N, C-alpha and C. Protein backbone atom coordinates (compact mmCIF):
# COMPACT_ATOMS: atom_id res chain seq x y z
N MET A 1 -23.00 -6.69 79.65
CA MET A 1 -21.62 -7.08 79.46
C MET A 1 -20.77 -5.82 79.52
N GLY A 2 -19.59 -5.95 80.08
CA GLY A 2 -18.69 -4.81 80.23
C GLY A 2 -18.04 -4.43 78.92
N GLU A 3 -17.44 -3.27 78.93
CA GLU A 3 -16.73 -2.77 77.75
C GLU A 3 -15.30 -3.31 77.76
N LEU A 4 -14.80 -3.59 76.58
CA LEU A 4 -13.42 -4.01 76.42
C LEU A 4 -12.69 -2.94 75.62
N ALA A 5 -11.55 -2.50 76.11
CA ALA A 5 -10.76 -1.51 75.38
C ALA A 5 -10.24 -2.14 74.10
N SER A 6 -10.43 -1.46 72.99
CA SER A 6 -10.03 -2.03 71.70
C SER A 6 -8.53 -2.03 71.49
N ASN A 7 -7.78 -1.27 72.30
CA ASN A 7 -6.33 -1.23 72.13
C ASN A 7 -5.61 -2.33 72.91
N VAL A 8 -6.35 -3.14 73.64
CA VAL A 8 -5.75 -4.24 74.40
C VAL A 8 -5.64 -5.46 73.48
N PRO A 9 -4.45 -6.07 73.39
CA PRO A 9 -4.29 -7.24 72.54
C PRO A 9 -5.27 -8.35 72.94
N GLY A 10 -5.94 -8.90 71.95
CA GLY A 10 -6.87 -10.00 72.20
C GLY A 10 -8.27 -9.57 72.58
N SER A 11 -8.51 -8.26 72.63
CA SER A 11 -9.83 -7.79 73.08
C SER A 11 -10.95 -8.19 72.11
N GLU A 12 -10.67 -8.18 70.83
CA GLU A 12 -11.71 -8.57 69.86
C GLU A 12 -12.07 -10.04 70.00
N LYS A 13 -11.06 -10.89 70.18
CA LYS A 13 -11.32 -12.32 70.38
C LYS A 13 -12.09 -12.56 71.66
N SER A 14 -11.74 -11.83 72.71
CA SER A 14 -12.45 -11.96 73.99
C SER A 14 -13.91 -11.56 73.84
N LYS A 15 -14.14 -10.45 73.17
CA LYS A 15 -15.50 -9.96 72.96
C LYS A 15 -16.31 -10.98 72.16
N GLU A 16 -15.70 -11.53 71.13
CA GLU A 16 -16.37 -12.52 70.29
C GLU A 16 -16.71 -13.77 71.11
N ALA A 17 -15.79 -14.19 71.97
CA ALA A 17 -16.04 -15.37 72.81
C ALA A 17 -17.19 -15.12 73.77
N TYR A 18 -17.20 -13.97 74.42
CA TYR A 18 -18.29 -13.65 75.35
C TYR A 18 -19.63 -13.61 74.62
N GLU A 19 -19.65 -13.01 73.44
CA GLU A 19 -20.89 -12.95 72.66
C GLU A 19 -21.36 -14.35 72.30
N THR A 20 -20.43 -15.23 71.97
CA THR A 20 -20.78 -16.61 71.65
C THR A 20 -21.42 -17.30 72.84
N TYR A 21 -20.85 -17.12 74.02
CA TYR A 21 -21.40 -17.76 75.22
C TYR A 21 -22.79 -17.22 75.55
N VAL A 22 -23.02 -15.94 75.32
CA VAL A 22 -24.35 -15.35 75.54
C VAL A 22 -25.35 -15.95 74.55
N GLU A 23 -24.94 -16.08 73.29
CA GLU A 23 -25.82 -16.66 72.27
C GLU A 23 -26.15 -18.11 72.60
N ILE A 24 -25.17 -18.86 73.06
CA ILE A 24 -25.41 -20.25 73.48
C ILE A 24 -26.42 -20.27 74.62
N GLY A 25 -26.24 -19.39 75.58
CA GLY A 25 -27.16 -19.32 76.71
C GLY A 25 -28.58 -18.98 76.28
N GLU A 26 -28.71 -18.08 75.31
CA GLU A 26 -30.04 -17.72 74.81
C GLU A 26 -30.76 -18.94 74.27
N LEU A 27 -30.09 -19.69 73.41
CA LEU A 27 -30.74 -20.85 72.81
C LEU A 27 -31.04 -21.93 73.85
N LEU A 28 -30.10 -22.19 74.74
CA LEU A 28 -30.31 -23.24 75.73
C LEU A 28 -31.40 -22.88 76.74
N SER A 29 -31.64 -21.60 76.93
CA SER A 29 -32.69 -21.18 77.87
C SER A 29 -34.07 -21.15 77.21
N GLY A 30 -34.12 -21.50 75.94
CA GLY A 30 -35.41 -21.57 75.25
C GLY A 30 -35.75 -20.34 74.43
N ASN A 31 -34.89 -19.36 74.42
CA ASN A 31 -35.11 -18.15 73.62
C ASN A 31 -34.56 -18.39 72.22
N ILE A 32 -35.27 -19.21 71.46
CA ILE A 32 -34.78 -19.68 70.16
C ILE A 32 -35.16 -18.68 69.07
N LYS A 33 -34.12 -18.16 68.41
CA LYS A 33 -34.30 -17.21 67.30
C LYS A 33 -33.47 -17.70 66.12
N GLU A 34 -34.08 -17.65 64.94
CA GLU A 34 -33.37 -18.08 63.73
C GLU A 34 -32.08 -17.30 63.52
N GLU A 35 -32.10 -16.03 63.86
CA GLU A 35 -30.92 -15.17 63.70
C GLU A 35 -29.75 -15.70 64.54
N VAL A 36 -30.03 -16.07 65.77
CA VAL A 36 -28.97 -16.57 66.67
C VAL A 36 -28.47 -17.93 66.18
N ILE A 37 -29.38 -18.77 65.70
CA ILE A 37 -28.97 -20.07 65.15
C ILE A 37 -28.03 -19.85 63.97
N GLY A 38 -28.36 -18.93 63.08
CA GLY A 38 -27.51 -18.64 61.93
C GLY A 38 -26.14 -18.12 62.33
N VAL A 39 -26.11 -17.25 63.33
CA VAL A 39 -24.83 -16.71 63.82
C VAL A 39 -23.98 -17.84 64.38
N LEU A 40 -24.59 -18.72 65.19
CA LEU A 40 -23.81 -19.81 65.78
C LEU A 40 -23.37 -20.83 64.73
N GLU A 41 -24.20 -21.06 63.71
CA GLU A 41 -23.78 -21.96 62.63
C GLU A 41 -22.53 -21.42 61.93
N SER A 42 -22.49 -20.11 61.70
CA SER A 42 -21.31 -19.54 61.04
C SER A 42 -20.11 -19.55 61.98
N LYS A 43 -20.35 -19.30 63.27
CA LYS A 43 -19.24 -19.35 64.24
C LYS A 43 -18.73 -20.78 64.40
N PHE A 44 -19.60 -21.76 64.24
CA PHE A 44 -19.18 -23.17 64.32
C PHE A 44 -18.09 -23.46 63.28
N LEU A 45 -18.23 -22.88 62.12
CA LEU A 45 -17.27 -23.13 61.04
C LEU A 45 -15.92 -22.45 61.27
N SER A 46 -15.90 -21.37 62.06
CA SER A 46 -14.67 -20.60 62.20
C SER A 46 -14.08 -20.56 63.61
N SER A 47 -14.73 -21.18 64.56
CA SER A 47 -14.28 -21.09 65.96
C SER A 47 -13.16 -22.08 66.27
N PRO A 48 -12.37 -21.76 67.30
CA PRO A 48 -11.40 -22.74 67.81
C PRO A 48 -12.15 -23.92 68.43
N LEU A 49 -11.42 -24.96 68.77
CA LEU A 49 -12.01 -26.23 69.18
C LEU A 49 -12.97 -26.13 70.36
N TYR A 50 -12.56 -25.52 71.47
CA TYR A 50 -13.42 -25.52 72.66
C TYR A 50 -14.76 -24.83 72.42
N PRO A 51 -14.78 -23.60 71.91
CA PRO A 51 -16.10 -23.01 71.63
C PRO A 51 -16.88 -23.79 70.58
N LYS A 52 -16.17 -24.37 69.63
CA LYS A 52 -16.83 -25.14 68.58
C LYS A 52 -17.60 -26.33 69.15
N ILE A 53 -17.02 -26.99 70.15
CA ILE A 53 -17.69 -28.12 70.80
C ILE A 53 -18.96 -27.64 71.50
N LEU A 54 -18.86 -26.53 72.23
CA LEU A 54 -20.03 -26.00 72.94
C LEU A 54 -21.12 -25.54 71.96
N ILE A 55 -20.70 -24.94 70.87
CA ILE A 55 -21.66 -24.51 69.85
C ILE A 55 -22.37 -25.73 69.26
N ALA A 56 -21.61 -26.78 68.95
CA ALA A 56 -22.20 -27.99 68.38
C ALA A 56 -23.23 -28.59 69.33
N TRP A 57 -22.89 -28.69 70.61
CA TRP A 57 -23.81 -29.26 71.60
C TRP A 57 -25.06 -28.40 71.73
N CYS A 58 -24.88 -27.10 71.77
CA CYS A 58 -26.01 -26.18 71.85
C CYS A 58 -26.93 -26.34 70.63
N LEU A 59 -26.34 -26.37 69.45
CA LEU A 59 -27.15 -26.50 68.24
C LEU A 59 -27.83 -27.86 68.17
N ALA A 60 -27.16 -28.91 68.63
CA ALA A 60 -27.79 -30.24 68.66
C ALA A 60 -29.05 -30.20 69.51
N ASN A 61 -28.97 -29.57 70.68
CA ASN A 61 -30.13 -29.46 71.56
C ASN A 61 -31.21 -28.55 70.96
N THR A 62 -30.79 -27.46 70.35
CA THR A 62 -31.75 -26.53 69.75
C THR A 62 -32.49 -27.19 68.59
N TYR A 63 -31.75 -27.87 67.72
CA TYR A 63 -32.39 -28.54 66.58
C TYR A 63 -33.33 -29.65 67.07
N SER A 64 -32.96 -30.31 68.14
CA SER A 64 -33.84 -31.34 68.71
C SER A 64 -35.16 -30.72 69.18
N ARG A 65 -35.08 -29.57 69.84
CA ARG A 65 -36.30 -28.87 70.29
C ARG A 65 -37.17 -28.45 69.11
N LEU A 66 -36.52 -28.13 67.99
CA LEU A 66 -37.25 -27.71 66.80
C LEU A 66 -37.67 -28.90 65.93
N ASP A 67 -37.38 -30.11 66.41
CA ASP A 67 -37.69 -31.36 65.71
C ASP A 67 -36.98 -31.46 64.36
N LEU A 68 -35.76 -30.94 64.31
CA LEU A 68 -34.90 -31.06 63.13
C LEU A 68 -33.84 -32.10 63.47
N MET A 69 -34.27 -33.36 63.50
CA MET A 69 -33.43 -34.43 64.04
C MET A 69 -32.18 -34.71 63.21
N GLU A 70 -32.25 -34.52 61.91
CA GLU A 70 -31.07 -34.77 61.08
C GLU A 70 -29.95 -33.78 61.43
N LYS A 71 -30.31 -32.50 61.55
CA LYS A 71 -29.32 -31.49 61.93
C LYS A 71 -28.83 -31.72 63.36
N SER A 72 -29.74 -32.11 64.23
CA SER A 72 -29.37 -32.38 65.62
C SER A 72 -28.35 -33.52 65.67
N SER A 73 -28.63 -34.59 64.94
CA SER A 73 -27.71 -35.75 64.92
C SER A 73 -26.35 -35.38 64.36
N GLU A 74 -26.33 -34.53 63.36
CA GLU A 74 -25.07 -34.09 62.76
C GLU A 74 -24.18 -33.41 63.80
N LYS A 75 -24.76 -32.49 64.56
CA LYS A 75 -23.98 -31.77 65.57
C LYS A 75 -23.62 -32.68 66.74
N LEU A 76 -24.53 -33.55 67.14
CA LEU A 76 -24.24 -34.47 68.24
C LEU A 76 -23.14 -35.46 67.83
N ASN A 77 -23.15 -35.89 66.59
CA ASN A 77 -22.10 -36.79 66.10
C ASN A 77 -20.74 -36.10 66.11
N TYR A 78 -20.73 -34.81 65.83
CA TYR A 78 -19.47 -34.06 65.92
C TYR A 78 -18.93 -34.13 67.35
N CYS A 79 -19.81 -33.90 68.32
CA CYS A 79 -19.39 -33.98 69.73
C CYS A 79 -18.88 -35.38 70.07
N LYS A 80 -19.58 -36.40 69.59
CA LYS A 80 -19.17 -37.78 69.87
C LYS A 80 -17.80 -38.09 69.27
N GLU A 81 -17.52 -37.50 68.13
CA GLU A 81 -16.23 -37.71 67.48
C GLU A 81 -15.10 -37.00 68.22
N ILE A 82 -15.35 -35.78 68.67
CA ILE A 82 -14.30 -34.96 69.26
C ILE A 82 -14.11 -35.21 70.76
N VAL A 83 -15.21 -35.38 71.49
CA VAL A 83 -15.12 -35.57 72.95
C VAL A 83 -15.90 -36.83 73.37
N PRO A 84 -15.44 -37.99 72.93
CA PRO A 84 -16.22 -39.22 73.17
C PRO A 84 -16.38 -39.60 74.64
N TYR A 85 -15.57 -39.07 75.53
CA TYR A 85 -15.66 -39.45 76.94
C TYR A 85 -16.32 -38.37 77.80
N CYS A 86 -16.78 -37.32 77.20
CA CYS A 86 -17.45 -36.24 77.94
C CYS A 86 -18.96 -36.47 77.85
N LYS A 87 -19.47 -37.32 78.73
CA LYS A 87 -20.87 -37.76 78.67
C LYS A 87 -21.90 -36.63 78.62
N PRO A 88 -21.75 -35.54 79.39
CA PRO A 88 -22.77 -34.49 79.32
C PRO A 88 -22.92 -33.87 77.92
N LEU A 89 -21.85 -33.87 77.14
CA LEU A 89 -21.92 -33.28 75.81
C LEU A 89 -22.32 -34.28 74.73
N LEU A 90 -22.71 -35.48 75.16
CA LEU A 90 -23.08 -36.52 74.20
C LEU A 90 -24.56 -36.84 74.25
N ARG A 91 -25.31 -36.01 74.92
CA ARG A 91 -26.75 -36.30 75.04
C ARG A 91 -27.56 -35.03 74.83
N ILE A 92 -28.81 -35.25 74.49
CA ILE A 92 -29.76 -34.16 74.33
C ILE A 92 -30.47 -33.98 75.66
N VAL A 93 -30.55 -32.74 76.11
CA VAL A 93 -31.21 -32.43 77.38
C VAL A 93 -32.71 -32.33 77.12
N GLU A 94 -33.49 -33.02 77.94
CA GLU A 94 -34.95 -32.95 77.80
C GLU A 94 -35.45 -31.59 78.22
N ASN A 95 -36.48 -31.13 77.58
CA ASN A 95 -37.06 -29.81 77.91
C ASN A 95 -37.61 -29.77 79.30
């Protein structure tokens, strides 16, 4: 990932967003680490709507792979509530 100048307005938010997308990619690609799950769970609570939806979908799929169906359902239900017409974000992807 490239460097962002810290004196540019919004650079910290941009860096945080890029890091979030990389973490989502790690989990979805099967590189499941408890540390990354914990980071995304905390970001889920504080993120704006769009990243929050992607985090929820990612965690729903990750928890499903780990056979934590209650947690998976919780995150998937969030997606169903917020984006009910976005079919790709309303399902669990098979391994």
